[in-house]
Amino acid sequence: MDPCTFSTDSFAPREQRTAWSEWFQPVFDVLSDDDDGRGFSGRYKIWKIGDISLTWASAPAARTVRLPSHVRRSPIDHWVITYCRNGPTAMSTRSGQLDARPGVPFVWSLGHDSDSRRTTAERLQLYLPRDSFSSSRASLDMAVGSAVVGQHGTMLADYMVMLERNMASLTAEDAARLPAAIEVMVAACLAPSPDRAASALRQIELTLMERVRQAVRRNLRSPSLGPDKLCREAAMSRSQLYRVLEDEGGAAAYIRRCRLAESFTMLCDTSKSVAIGRLAELLCFADASTFSRAFRREFGMSPSEARNSALAGVYPTMSPSRANVSGTRSFGDCLRP
């Protein structure tokens, strides 16, 4: 699925702030305290998923104001869930003052006037239409003007990151299922209960798998990466880790597959010439022989054969099942009832 995009980079620096502000009219006024003529480089992506919108933005620090006049001119009453991994946001709403820390998602509503200040940071937002989320109306209304803290806030943040990462590969068939999946996950995070957790089980498992994937990617070259460290890095118990990686053959097998996939990519990069023994060392294999045997079992060829093919311009490819080290289930599979 391709997003609708907007960027101020094509405008002259003196026009960028105005262009960014006009992009959001008549929903918001976007104001900047720093008007020194150096420009305002902002980028925005929006994916339409039925009536839901997922957005990603990167822009300098700014103030965003939705006045009663905006509400009258643009009567959109969507709930909004915002997540900024690195920057804090200060927001005033009819519910009071909200100071959202980096990494903590928070909920607000376009149905009310608001005034927010944010630092330079990337942010993700889910725009949830009131008519399509009628069954979750009470929990969303109660959450307006508040941050979603604790393990459920972390889960919701990870879910939003996972959604954005998978948008490029989302098929039309999967997109049709996604709104219902988003609704059950949002309900499970905002108003937790055993029944809601059961309804969102597939979304929770997918989010936990994404958390594991990121933790493994960060530590591929760490010799200490194993089940204990992975539990700490992914913030989950051993029983959760076992359940998430059961279809992968366990944590050790999954880590080994990720390392082998990384080695395959490095061997096929003709701009680099890391010796095979050094590659084995970098990716924490006991020695070059152990690495070569594991590589052949996984890909049906030796490391030197993979490199020689790439050097000859005949790039070897991994089969989809071997290339997919983010989980045996696809994103689309986890949207199915």
C-alpha atoms as a PDB file:
ATOM      1  CA  MET A   1       0.000   0.000   0.000  1.00  0.00           C
ATOM      2  CA  ASP A   2       1.451   3.340  -1.056  1.00  0.00           C
ATOM      3  CA  PRO A   3       0.978   6.403   1.159  1.00  0.00           C
ATOM      4  CA  CYS A   4      -0.090   9.871   0.164  1.00  0.00           C
ATOM      5  CA  THR A   5       2.973  12.035   0.800  1.00  0.00           C
ATOM      6  CA  PHE A   6       3.807  15.681   1.301  1.00  0.00           C
ATOM      7  CA  SER A   7       7.161  17.375   1.760  1.00  0.00           C
ATOM      8  CA  THR A   8       8.285  20.959   2.045  1.00  0.00           C
ATOM      9  CA  ASP A   9      11.694  20.140   0.548  1.00  0.00           C
ATOM     10  CA  SER A  10      10.594  21.253  -2.928  1.00  0.00           C
ATOM     11  CA  PHE A  11       9.769  24.759  -1.638  1.00  0.00           C
ATOM     12  CA  ALA A  12      12.186  27.596  -1.170  1.00  0.00           C
ATOM     13  CA  PRO A  13      13.317  27.851   2.485  1.00  0.00           C
ATOM     14  CA  ARG A  14      11.380  31.070   3.040  1.00  0.00           C
ATOM     15  CA  GLU A  15       8.179  29.330   1.826  1.00  0.00           C
ATOM     16  CA  GLN A  16       8.484  26.059   3.729  1.00  0.00           C
ATOM     17  CA  ARG A  17       6.781  27.095   6.974  1.00  0.00           C
ATOM     18  CA  THR A  18       3.797  28.496   5.095  1.00  0.00           C
ATOM     19  CA  ALA A  19       3.555  25.376   2.904  1.00  0.00           C
ATOM     20  CA  TRP A  20       3.618  23.099   5.973  1.00  0.00           C
ATOM     21  CA  SER A  21       0.935  25.119   7.723  1.00  0.00           C
ATOM     22  CA  GLU A  22      -1.284  25.219   4.630  1.00  0.00           C
ATOM     23  CA  TRP A  23      -1.054  21.428   4.300  1.00  0.00           C
ATOM     24  CA  PHE A  24      -2.929  21.089   7.614  1.00  0.00           C
ATOM     25  CA  GLN A  25      -5.611  23.702   6.931  1.00  0.00           C
ATOM     26  CA  PRO A  26      -8.437  23.938   7.892  1.00  0.00           C
ATOM     27  CA  VAL A  27      -7.907  21.251  10.550  1.00  0.00           C
ATOM     28  CA  PHE A  28      -5.045  22.955  12.430  1.00  0.00           C
ATOM     29  CA  ASP A  29      -2.915  26.016  12.595  1.00  0.00           C
ATOM     30  CA  VAL A  30       0.747  25.044  12.718  1.00  0.00           C
ATOM     31  CA  LEU A  31       2.911  27.760  14.260  1.00  0.00           C
ATOM     32  CA  SER A  32       6.656  27.968  14.728  1.00  0.00           C
ATOM     33  CA  ASP A  33       8.478  30.199  17.183  1.00  0.00           C
ATOM     34  CA  ASP A  34      11.714  29.962  15.218  1.00  0.00           C
ATOM     35  CA  ASP A  35      11.310  32.022  12.055  1.00  0.00           C
ATOM     36  CA  ASP A  36      14.967  32.681  11.248  1.00  0.00           C
ATOM     37  CA  GLY A  37      14.755  32.087   7.502  1.00  0.00           C
ATOM     38  CA  ARG A  38      16.597  28.753   7.587  1.00  0.00           C
ATOM     39  CA  GLY A  39      13.550  26.895   6.376  1.00  0.00           C
ATOM     40  CA  PHE A  40      11.230  24.239   7.730  1.00  0.00           C
ATOM     41  CA  SER A  41      11.955  20.769   6.351  1.00  0.00           C
ATOM     42  CA  GLY A  42       8.841  18.689   7.001  1.00  0.00           C
ATOM     43  CA  ARG A  43       7.768  15.324   5.584  1.00  0.00           C
ATOM     44  CA  TYR A  44       4.406  13.628   5.959  1.00  0.00           C
ATOM     45  CA  LYS A  45       2.950  10.252   4.942  1.00  0.00           C
ATOM     46  CA  ILE A  46      -0.630   9.092   5.299  1.00  0.00           C
ATOM     47  CA  TRP A  47      -2.016   5.619   4.679  1.00  0.00           C
ATOM     48  CA  LYS A  48      -5.785   5.280   4.322  1.00  0.00           C
ATOM     49  CA  ILE A  49      -7.014   1.996   5.807  1.00  0.00           C
ATOM     50  CA  GLY A  50     -10.731   2.086   5.224  1.00  0.00           C
ATOM     51  CA  ASP A  51     -11.931   4.954   7.424  1.00  0.00           C
ATOM     52  CA  ILE A  52      -8.778   4.840   9.570  1.00  0.00           C
ATOM     53  CA  SER A  53      -5.650   6.855   8.808  1.00  0.00           C
ATOM     54  CA  LEU A  54      -2.128   6.016   9.889  1.00  0.00           C
ATOM     55  CA  THR A  55       0.296   8.912   9.547  1.00  0.00           C
ATOM     56  CA  TRP A  56       4.026   9.420   9.912  1.00  0.00           C
ATOM     57  CA  ALA A  57       5.575  12.862  10.177  1.00  0.00           C
ATOM     58  CA  SER A  58       9.024  14.321  10.636  1.00  0.00           C
ATOM     59  CA  ALA A  59       9.315  18.060  11.183  1.00  0.00           C
ATOM     60  CA  PRO A  60      11.028  20.708  13.295  1.00  0.00           C
ATOM     61  CA  ALA A  61       9.603  21.819  16.614  1.00  0.00           C
ATOM     62  CA  ALA A  62       6.239  23.539  16.282  1.00  0.00           C
ATOM     63  CA  ARG A  63       3.009  24.449  17.993  1.00  0.00           C
ATOM     64  CA  THR A  64      -0.241  22.932  16.658  1.00  0.00           C
ATOM     65  CA  VAL A  65      -3.513  24.670  17.518  1.00  0.00           C
ATOM     66  CA  ARG A  66      -7.082  23.524  16.894  1.00  0.00           C
ATOM     67  CA  LEU A  67      -9.423  26.339  17.845  1.00  0.00           C
ATOM     68  CA  PRO A  68     -13.237  26.294  18.130  1.00  0.00           C
ATOM     69  CA  SER A  69     -13.273  27.980  14.709  1.00  0.00           C
ATOM     70  CA  HIS A  70     -11.350  25.016  13.259  1.00  0.00           C
ATOM     71  CA  VAL A  71     -13.840  22.609  14.817  1.00  0.00           C
ATOM     72  CA  ARG A  72     -16.693  24.514  13.166  1.00  0.00           C
ATOM     73  CA  ARG A  73     -14.997  24.753   9.760  1.00  0.00           C
ATOM     74  CA  SER A  74     -13.671  21.190   9.807  1.00  0.00           C
ATOM     75  CA  PRO A  75     -16.097  19.158  11.960  1.00  0.00           C
ATOM     76  CA  ILE A  76     -13.967  16.012  12.170  1.00  0.00           C
ATOM     77  CA  ASP A  77     -14.408  14.259  15.500  1.00  0.00           C
ATOM     78  CA  HIS A  78     -11.832  11.471  15.128  1.00  0.00           C
ATOM     79  CA  TRP A  79      -9.924  10.220  18.122  1.00  0.00           C
ATOM     80  CA  VAL A  80      -6.157  10.439  17.637  1.00  0.00           C
ATOM     81  CA  ILE A  81      -3.473   8.239  19.173  1.00  0.00           C
ATOM     82  CA  THR A  82      -0.040   9.865  18.926  1.00  0.00           C
ATOM     83  CA  TYR A  83       3.328   8.221  19.507  1.00  0.00           C
ATOM     84  CA  CYS A  84       6.675  10.059  19.497  1.00  0.00           C
ATOM     85  CA  ARG A  85       9.593   7.772  20.227  1.00  0.00           C
ATOM     86  CA  ASN A  86      12.155  10.485  20.967  1.00  0.00           C
ATOM     87  CA  GLY A  87      10.406  13.784  21.662  1.00  0.00           C
ATOM     88  CA  PRO A  88       8.054  14.999  24.422  1.00  0.00           C
ATOM     89  CA  THR A  89       4.720  16.691  23.682  1.00  0.00           C
ATOM     90  CA  ALA A  90       2.871  19.190  25.863  1.00  0.00           C
ATOM     91  CA  MET A  91      -0.848  19.424  25.074  1.00  0.00           C
ATOM     92  CA  SER A  92      -3.723  21.416  26.528  1.00  0.00           C
ATOM     93  CA  THR A  93      -7.215  19.992  26.002  1.00  0.00           C
ATOM     94  CA  ARG A  94     -10.597  20.418  27.666  1.00  0.00           C
ATOM     95  CA  SER A  95      -9.493  17.525  29.905  1.00  0.00           C
ATOM     96  CA  GLY A  96      -6.542  19.551  31.190  1.00  0.00           C
ATOM     97  CA  GLN A  97      -2.804  19.657  30.604  1.00  0.00           C
ATOM     98  CA  LEU A  98      -1.036  16.575  29.233  1.00  0.00           C
ATOM     99  CA  ASP A  99       2.737  16.218  29.243  1.00  0.00           C
ATOM    100  CA  ALA A 100       3.552  13.094  27.229  1.00  0.00           C
ATOM    101  CA  ARG A 101       7.027  11.683  27.692  1.00  0.00           C
ATOM    102  CA  PRO A 102       9.004  10.297  24.736  1.00  0.00           C
ATOM    103  CA  GLY A 103       7.992   6.739  23.936  1.00  0.00           C
ATOM    104  CA  VAL A 104       4.564   6.998  25.605  1.00  0.00           C
ATOM    105  CA  PRO A 105       1.468   7.114  23.347  1.00  0.00           C
ATOM    106  CA  PHE A 106      -1.370   9.464  24.238  1.00  0.00           C
ATOM    107  CA  VAL A 107      -4.975   9.998  23.156  1.00  0.00           C
ATOM    108  CA  TRP A 108      -6.743  13.187  22.136  1.00  0.00           C
ATOM    109  CA  SER A 109      -9.730  14.144  20.008  1.00  0.00           C
ATOM    110  CA  LEU A 110     -10.296  16.303  16.955  1.00  0.00           C
ATOM    111  CA  GLY A 111     -13.806  16.886  18.286  1.00  0.00           C
ATOM    112  CA  HIS A 112     -12.354  19.311  20.852  1.00  0.00           C
ATOM    113  CA  ASP A 113     -10.098  22.338  20.608  1.00  0.00           C
ATOM    114  CA  SER A 114      -6.490  21.702  21.634  1.00  0.00           C
ATOM    115  CA  ASP A 115      -3.083  23.342  21.791  1.00  0.00           C
ATOM    116  CA  SER A 116       0.097  21.278  21.622  1.00  0.00           C
ATOM    117  CA  ARG A 117       3.821  21.916  21.523  1.00  0.00           C
ATOM    118  CA  ARG A 118       6.274  19.299  20.348  1.00  0.00           C
ATOM    119  CA  THR A 119      10.001  19.121  19.827  1.00  0.00           C
ATOM    120  CA  THR A 120      11.768  18.083  16.645  1.00  0.00           C
ATOM    121  CA  ALA A 121      10.917  14.387  16.329  1.00  0.00           C
ATOM    122  CA  GLU A 122       9.287  11.761  14.181  1.00  0.00           C
ATOM    123  CA  ARG A 123       5.768  10.813  15.179  1.00  0.00           C
ATOM    124  CA  LEU A 124       3.153   8.227  14.320  1.00  0.00           C
ATOM    125  CA  GLN A 125      -0.576   8.871  14.630  1.00  0.00           C
ATOM    126  CA  LEU A 126      -3.694   6.761  14.293  1.00  0.00           C
ATOM    127  CA  TYR A 127      -6.850   8.681  13.355  1.00  0.00           C
ATOM    128  CA  LEU A 128      -9.883   6.678  14.454  1.00  0.00           C
ATOM    129  CA  PRO A 129     -13.314   7.782  13.158  1.00  0.00           C
ATOM    130  CA  ARG A 130     -16.020   7.895  15.793  1.00  0.00           C
ATOM    131  CA  ASP A 131     -18.668   6.246  13.603  1.00  0.00           C
ATOM    132  CA  SER A 132     -16.449   3.250  12.835  1.00  0.00           C
ATOM    133  CA  PHE A 133     -15.329   2.740  16.446  1.00  0.00           C
ATOM    134  CA  SER A 134     -18.724   2.878  18.113  1.00  0.00           C
ATOM    135  CA  SER A 135     -18.127  -0.287  20.149  1.00  0.00           C
ATOM    136  CA  SER A 136     -14.978   1.265  21.661  1.00  0.00           C
ATOM    137  CA  ARG A 137     -16.460   4.725  22.143  1.00  0.00           C
ATOM    138  CA  ALA A 138     -16.597   4.649  25.938  1.00  0.00           C
ATOM    139  CA  SER A 139     -12.981   3.562  26.448  1.00  0.00           C
ATOM    140  CA  LEU A 140     -11.680   6.016  23.842  1.00  0.00           C
ATOM    141  CA  ASP A 141     -13.634   8.921  25.319  1.00  0.00           C
ATOM    142  CA  MET A 142     -12.323   8.085  28.790  1.00  0.00           C
ATOM    143  CA  ALA A 143      -8.752   8.004  27.462  1.00  0.00           C
ATOM    144  CA  VAL A 144      -8.922  11.423  25.755  1.00  0.00           C
ATOM    145  CA  GLY A 145      -6.352  13.782  27.216  1.00  0.00           C
ATOM    146  CA  SER A 146      -4.294  11.037  28.835  1.00  0.00           C
ATOM    147  CA  ALA A 147      -1.168   9.008  28.189  1.00  0.00           C
ATOM    148  CA  VAL A 148      -1.306   5.229  27.852  1.00  0.00           C
ATOM    149  CA  VAL A 149       1.316   4.135  30.354  1.00  0.00           C
ATOM    150  CA  GLY A 150       2.721   0.815  31.531  1.00  0.00           C
ATOM    151  CA  GLN A 151       2.877  -2.431  29.604  1.00  0.00           C
ATOM    152  CA  HIS A 152      -0.282  -1.672  27.631  1.00  0.00           C
ATOM    153  CA  GLY A 153       1.130   1.665  26.487  1.00  0.00           C
ATOM    154  CA  THR A 154       4.336  -0.058  25.412  1.00  0.00           C
ATOM    155  CA  MET A 155       2.309  -2.672  23.556  1.00  0.00           C
ATOM    156  CA  LEU A 156       0.265   0.003  21.773  1.00  0.00           C
ATOM    157  CA  ALA A 157       3.406   1.917  20.787  1.00  0.00           C
ATOM    158  CA  ASP A 158       5.060  -1.233  19.436  1.00  0.00           C
ATOM    159  CA  TYR A 159       1.900  -2.062  17.520  1.00  0.00           C
ATOM    160  CA  MET A 160       1.867   1.344  15.820  1.00  0.00           C
ATOM    161  CA  VAL A 161       5.529   0.956  14.835  1.00  0.00           C
ATOM    162  CA  MET A 162       4.797  -2.515  13.481  1.00  0.00           C
ATOM    163  CA  LEU A 163       1.842  -1.204  11.452  1.00  0.00           C
ATOM    164  CA  GLU A 164       3.969   1.495   9.826  1.00  0.00           C
ATOM    165  CA  ARG A 165       6.727  -0.987   9.000  1.00  0.00           C
ATOM    166  CA  ASN A 166       4.283  -3.320   7.252  1.00  0.00           C
ATOM    167  CA  MET A 167       2.272  -0.790   5.246  1.00  0.00           C
ATOM    168  CA  ALA A 168       4.458  -1.123   2.145  1.00  0.00           C
ATOM    169  CA  SER A 169       3.683  -4.834   1.794  1.00  0.00           C
ATOM    170  CA  LEU A 170      -0.012  -4.660   2.720  1.00  0.00           C
ATOM    171  CA  THR A 171      -2.314  -6.124   0.067  1.00  0.00           C
ATOM    172  CA  ALA A 172      -5.817  -4.828  -0.676  1.00  0.00           C
ATOM    173  CA  GLU A 173      -7.264  -8.014   0.840  1.00  0.00           C
ATOM    174  CA  ASP A 174      -5.307  -7.530   4.073  1.00  0.00           C
ATOM    175  CA  ALA A 175      -6.146  -3.815   4.192  1.00  0.00           C
ATOM    176  CA  ALA A 176      -9.847  -4.724   4.273  1.00  0.00           C
ATOM    177  CA  ARG A 177      -9.262  -6.770   7.451  1.00  0.00           C
ATOM    178  CA  LEU A 178      -6.983  -4.285   9.173  1.00  0.00           C
ATOM    179  CA  PRO A 179      -9.577  -1.833  10.631  1.00  0.00           C
ATOM    180  CA  ALA A 180     -11.210  -4.582  12.707  1.00  0.00           C
ATOM    181  CA  ALA A 181      -7.782  -5.777  13.860  1.00  0.00           C
ATOM    182  CA  ILE A 182      -6.800  -2.234  14.883  1.00  0.00           C
ATOM    183  CA  GLU A 183     -10.035  -1.790  16.824  1.00  0.00           C
ATOM    184  CA  VAL A 184      -9.596  -4.921  18.946  1.00  0.00           C
ATOM    185  CA  MET A 185      -5.963  -4.046  19.654  1.00  0.00           C
ATOM    186  CA  VAL A 186      -6.757  -0.463  20.666  1.00  0.00           C
ATOM    187  CA  ALA A 187      -9.560  -1.680  22.945  1.00  0.00           C
ATOM    188  CA  ALA A 188      -7.265  -4.258  24.559  1.00  0.00           C
ATOM    189  CA  CYS A 189      -4.649  -1.587  25.315  1.00  0.00           C
ATOM    190  CA  LEU A 190      -6.947   1.226  26.471  1.00  0.00           C
ATOM    191  CA  ALA A 191      -9.380  -0.828  28.545  1.00  0.00           C
ATOM    192  CA  PRO A 192      -7.642  -4.147  29.325  1.00  0.00           C
ATOM    193  CA  SER A 193      -9.715  -7.191  30.205  1.00  0.00           C
ATOM    194  CA  PRO A 194      -9.324 -10.950  29.687  1.00  0.00           C
ATOM    195  CA  ASP A 195     -11.997 -10.912  26.976  1.00  0.00           C
ATOM    196  CA  ARG A 196     -10.377  -8.028  25.079  1.00  0.00           C
ATOM    197  CA  ALA A 197      -6.960  -9.659  25.366  1.00  0.00           C
ATOM    198  CA  ALA A 198      -8.384 -12.870  23.918  1.00  0.00           C
ATOM    199  CA  SER A 199      -9.971 -10.945  21.019  1.00  0.00           C
ATOM    200  CA  ALA A 200      -6.654  -9.210  20.274  1.00  0.00           C
ATOM    201  CA  LEU A 201      -4.479 -12.297  20.743  1.00  0.00           C
ATOM    202  CA  ARG A 202      -3.215 -12.394  17.151  1.00  0.00           C
ATOM    203  CA  GLN A 203      -2.380  -8.693  17.188  1.00  0.00           C
ATOM    204  CA  ILE A 204      -0.605  -9.063  20.530  1.00  0.00           C
ATOM    205  CA  GLU A 205       1.426 -12.021  19.273  1.00  0.00           C
ATOM    206  CA  LEU A 206       2.368 -10.140  16.130  1.00  0.00           C
ATOM    207  CA  THR A 207       3.457  -7.120  18.178  1.00  0.00           C
ATOM    208  CA  LEU A 208       5.529  -9.271  20.526  1.00  0.00           C
ATOM    209  CA  MET A 209       7.168 -10.908  17.508  1.00  0.00           C
ATOM    210  CA  GLU A 210       8.061  -7.470  16.163  1.00  0.00           C
ATOM    211  CA  ARG A 211       9.548  -6.582  19.557  1.00  0.00           C
ATOM    212  CA  VAL A 212      11.680  -9.738  19.448  1.00  0.00           C
ATOM    213  CA  ARG A 213      12.739  -9.036  15.854  1.00  0.00           C
ATOM    214  CA  GLN A 214      13.949  -5.556  16.748  1.00  0.00           C
ATOM    215  CA  ALA A 215      15.795  -6.806  19.825  1.00  0.00           C
ATOM    216  CA  VAL A 216      17.586  -9.468  17.771  1.00  0.00           C
ATOM    217  CA  ARG A 217      18.480  -6.942  15.034  1.00  0.00           C
ATOM    218  CA  ARG A 218      20.023  -4.629  17.644  1.00  0.00           C
ATOM    219  CA  ASN A 219      22.137  -7.443  19.092  1.00  0.00           C
ATOM    220  CA  LEU A 220      23.050  -9.615  16.100  1.00  0.00           C
ATOM    221  CA  ARG A 221      26.771  -9.140  16.768  1.00  0.00           C
ATOM    222  CA  SER A 222      26.574  -9.567  20.522  1.00  0.00           C
ATOM    223  CA  PRO A 223      28.027 -12.903  21.738  1.00  0.00           C
ATOM    224  CA  SER A 224      25.819 -12.676  24.833  1.00  0.00           C
ATOM    225  CA  LEU A 225      22.579 -12.701  22.827  1.00  0.00           C
ATOM    226  CA  GLY A 226      20.499 -15.624  24.044  1.00  0.00           C
ATOM    227  CA  PRO A 227      17.122 -16.271  25.693  1.00  0.00           C
ATOM    228  CA  ASP A 228      17.946 -14.359  28.899  1.00  0.00           C
ATOM    229  CA  LYS A 229      19.208 -11.253  27.139  1.00  0.00           C
ATOM    230  CA  LEU A 230      16.389 -11.424  24.602  1.00  0.00           C
ATOM    231  CA  CYS A 231      13.820 -11.477  27.427  1.00  0.00           C
ATOM    232  CA  ARG A 232      15.395  -8.356  28.916  1.00  0.00           C
ATOM    233  CA  GLU A 233      15.727  -6.538  25.588  1.00  0.00           C
ATOM    234  CA  ALA A 234      12.175  -7.380  24.474  1.00  0.00           C
ATOM    235  CA  ALA A 235      10.674  -6.829  27.962  1.00  0.00           C
ATOM    236  CA  MET A 236       8.926 -10.173  28.189  1.00  0.00           C
ATOM    237  CA  SER A 237       9.019 -13.285  30.337  1.00  0.00           C
ATOM    238  CA  ARG A 238      10.639 -16.548  29.279  1.00  0.00           C
ATOM    239  CA  SER A 239       7.203 -18.133  28.914  1.00  0.00           C
ATOM    240  CA  GLN A 240       6.113 -15.303  26.584  1.00  0.00           C
ATOM    241  CA  LEU A 241       9.325 -15.622  24.584  1.00  0.00           C
ATOM    242  CA  TYR A 242       8.864 -19.374  24.287  1.00  0.00           C
ATOM    243  CA  ARG A 243       5.280 -18.928  23.089  1.00  0.00           C
ATOM    244  CA  VAL A 244       6.202 -16.244  20.538  1.00  0.00           C
ATOM    245  CA  LEU A 245       9.115 -18.256  19.107  1.00  0.00           C
ATOM    246  CA  GLU A 246       7.563 -21.719  19.354  1.00  0.00           C
ATOM    247  CA  ASP A 247       6.956 -21.889  15.594  1.00  0.00           C
ATOM    248  CA  GLU A 248      10.550 -20.733  14.989  1.00  0.00           C
ATOM    249  CA  GLY A 249      12.051 -23.666  16.865  1.00  0.00           C
ATOM    250  CA  GLY A 250      12.963 -21.583  19.911  1.00  0.00           C
ATOM    251  CA  ALA A 251      15.115 -18.547  20.634  1.00  0.00           C
ATOM    252  CA  ALA A 252      18.473 -20.070  19.667  1.00  0.00           C
ATOM    253  CA  ALA A 253      17.165 -21.284  16.297  1.00  0.00           C
ATOM    254  CA  TYR A 254      15.588 -17.907  15.546  1.00  0.00           C
ATOM    255  CA  ILE A 255      18.761 -15.989  16.446  1.00  0.00           C
ATOM    256  CA  ARG A 256      20.839 -18.333  14.265  1.00  0.00           C
ATOM    257  CA  ARG A 257      18.480 -17.836  11.303  1.00  0.00           C
ATOM    258  CA  CYS A 258      18.657 -14.063  11.689  1.00  0.00           C
ATOM    259  CA  ARG A 259      22.439 -14.170  11.773  1.00  0.00           C
ATOM    260  CA  LEU A 260      22.557 -16.420   8.716  1.00  0.00           C
ATOM    261  CA  ALA A 261      20.183 -14.096   6.849  1.00  0.00           C
ATOM    262  CA  GLU A 262      22.452 -11.162   7.715  1.00  0.00           C
ATOM    263  CA  SER A 263      25.501 -13.085   6.521  1.00  0.00           C
ATOM    264  CA  PHE A 264      23.730 -13.850   3.228  1.00  0.00           C
ATOM    265  CA  THR A 265      23.069 -10.133   2.696  1.00  0.00           C
ATOM    266  CA  MET A 266      26.673  -9.233   3.512  1.00  0.00           C
ATOM    267  CA  LEU A 267      28.110 -11.884   1.204  1.00  0.00           C
ATOM    268  CA  CYS A 268      25.984 -10.614  -1.680  1.00  0.00           C
ATOM    269  CA  ASP A 269      27.103  -7.017  -1.135  1.00  0.00           C
ATOM    270  CA  THR A 270      29.858  -6.706  -3.732  1.00  0.00           C
ATOM    271  CA  SER A 271      30.958  -3.340  -2.319  1.00  0.00           C
ATOM    272  CA  LYS A 272      32.328  -5.144   0.742  1.00  0.00           C
ATOM    273  CA  SER A 273      34.900  -7.906   0.965  1.00  0.00           C
ATOM    274  CA  VAL A 274      34.774  -9.196   4.527  1.00  0.00           C
ATOM    275  CA  ALA A 275      36.637 -12.486   4.782  1.00  0.00           C
ATOM    276  CA  ILE A 276      34.370 -15.447   5.489  1.00  0.00           C
ATOM    277  CA  GLY A 277      36.252 -16.240   8.698  1.00  0.00           C
ATOM    278  CA  ARG A 278      35.864 -12.646   9.854  1.00  0.00           C
ATOM    279  CA  LEU A 279      32.173 -12.701   8.928  1.00  0.00           C
ATOM    280  CA  ALA A 280      31.690 -15.816  11.042  1.00  0.00           C
ATOM    281  CA  GLU A 281      33.398 -14.037  13.951  1.00  0.00           C
ATOM    282  CA  LEU A 282      31.317 -10.861  13.556  1.00  0.00           C
ATOM    283  CA  LEU A 283      28.091 -12.853  13.666  1.00  0.00           C
ATOM    284  CA  CYS A 284      29.161 -14.904  16.687  1.00  0.00           C
ATOM    285  CA  PHE A 285      29.665 -18.337  15.123  1.00  0.00           C
ATOM    286  CA  ALA A 286      32.217 -20.572  16.848  1.00  0.00           C
ATOM    287  CA  ASP A 287      34.472 -20.718  13.778  1.00  0.00           C
ATOM    288  CA  ALA A 288      34.414 -20.535   9.982  1.00  0.00           C
ATOM    289  CA  SER A 289      33.663 -24.255   9.592  1.00  0.00           C
ATOM    290  CA  THR A 290      30.660 -24.129  11.906  1.00  0.00           C
ATOM    291  CA  PHE A 291      29.392 -21.073  10.042  1.00  0.00           C
ATOM    292  CA  SER A 292      29.866 -22.670   6.609  1.00  0.00           C
ATOM    293  CA  ARG A 293      28.003 -25.831   7.608  1.00  0.00           C
ATOM    294  CA  ALA A 294      25.087 -23.835   9.027  1.00  0.00           C
ATOM    295  CA  PHE A 295      25.020 -21.607   5.934  1.00  0.00           C
ATOM    296  CA  ARG A 296      24.868 -24.586   3.565  1.00  0.00           C
ATOM    297  CA  ARG A 297      22.080 -26.231   5.580  1.00  0.00           C
ATOM    298  CA  GLU A 298      20.081 -23.013   5.475  1.00  0.00           C
ATOM    299  CA  PHE A 299      20.638 -21.918   1.867  1.00  0.00           C
ATOM    300  CA  GLY A 300      21.828 -25.000  -0.024  1.00  0.00           C
ATOM    301  CA  MET A 301      25.155 -23.410  -0.979  1.00  0.00           C
ATOM    302  CA  SER A 302      28.421 -22.487   0.693  1.00  0.00           C
ATOM    303  CA  PRO A 303      29.301 -18.923   1.701  1.00  0.00           C
ATOM    304  CA  SER A 304      31.991 -18.778  -1.001  1.00  0.00           C
ATOM    305  CA  GLU A 305      29.487 -19.942  -3.642  1.00  0.00           C
ATOM    306  CA  ALA A 306      27.064 -17.180  -2.619  1.00  0.00           C
ATOM    307  CA  ARG A 307      29.837 -14.565  -2.806  1.00  0.00           C
ATOM    308  CA  ASN A 308      31.187 -15.818  -6.140  1.00  0.00           C
ATOM    309  CA  SER A 309      27.705 -15.753  -7.672  1.00  0.00           C
ATOM    310  CA  ALA A 310      27.231 -12.155  -6.554  1.00  0.00           C
ATOM    311  CA  LEU A 311      30.641 -11.160  -7.912  1.00  0.00           C
ATOM    312  CA  ALA A 312      29.679 -12.744 -11.242  1.00  0.00           C
ATOM    313  CA  GLY A 313      26.523 -10.657 -11.349  1.00  0.00           C
ATOM    314  CA  VAL A 314      24.242 -13.642 -10.707  1.00  0.00           C
ATOM    315  CA  TYR A 315      22.785 -12.675  -7.348  1.00  0.00           C
ATOM    316  CA  PRO A 316      21.534 -15.669  -5.347  1.00  0.00           C
ATOM    317  CA  THR A 317      18.179 -15.300  -3.644  1.00  0.00           C
ATOM    318  CA  MET A 318      16.773 -16.690  -0.449  1.00  0.00           C
ATOM    319  CA  SER A 319      13.477 -18.523  -0.654  1.00  0.00           C
ATOM    320  CA  PRO A 320      10.606 -16.558   0.951  1.00  0.00           C
ATOM    321  CA  SER A 321      10.452 -18.933   3.903  1.00  0.00           C
ATOM    322  CA  ARG A 322      14.172 -18.520   4.589  1.00  0.00           C
ATOM    323  CA  ALA A 323      14.150 -14.785   4.001  1.00  0.00           C
ATOM    324  CA  ASN A 324      11.275 -14.232   6.425  1.00  0.00           C
ATOM    325  CA  VAL A 325      13.071 -14.008   9.750  1.00  0.00           C
ATOM    326  CA  SER A 326      10.477 -11.726  11.298  1.00  0.00           C
ATOM    327  CA  GLY A 327       8.117 -14.614  11.961  1.00  0.00           C
ATOM    328  CA  THR A 328       6.669 -17.584  10.130  1.00  0.00           C
ATOM    329  CA  ARG A 329       3.277 -15.906   9.948  1.00  0.00           C
ATOM    330  CA  SER A 330       2.907 -12.982   7.608  1.00  0.00           C
ATOM    331  CA  PHE A 331       1.331  -9.707   8.659  1.00  0.00           C
ATOM    332  CA  GLY A 332      -1.704 -10.585   6.541  1.00  0.00           C
ATOM    333  CA  ASP A 333      -2.060 -13.961   8.235  1.00  0.00           C
ATOM    334  CA  CYS A 334      -2.434 -12.235  11.579  1.00  0.00           C
ATOM    335  CA  LEU A 335      -5.355 -10.158  10.307  1.00  0.00           C
ATOM    336  CA  ARG A 336      -7.431 -13.223   9.575  1.00  0.00           C
ATOM    337  CA  PRO A 337     -10.092 -14.273  12.074  1.00  0.00           C
END
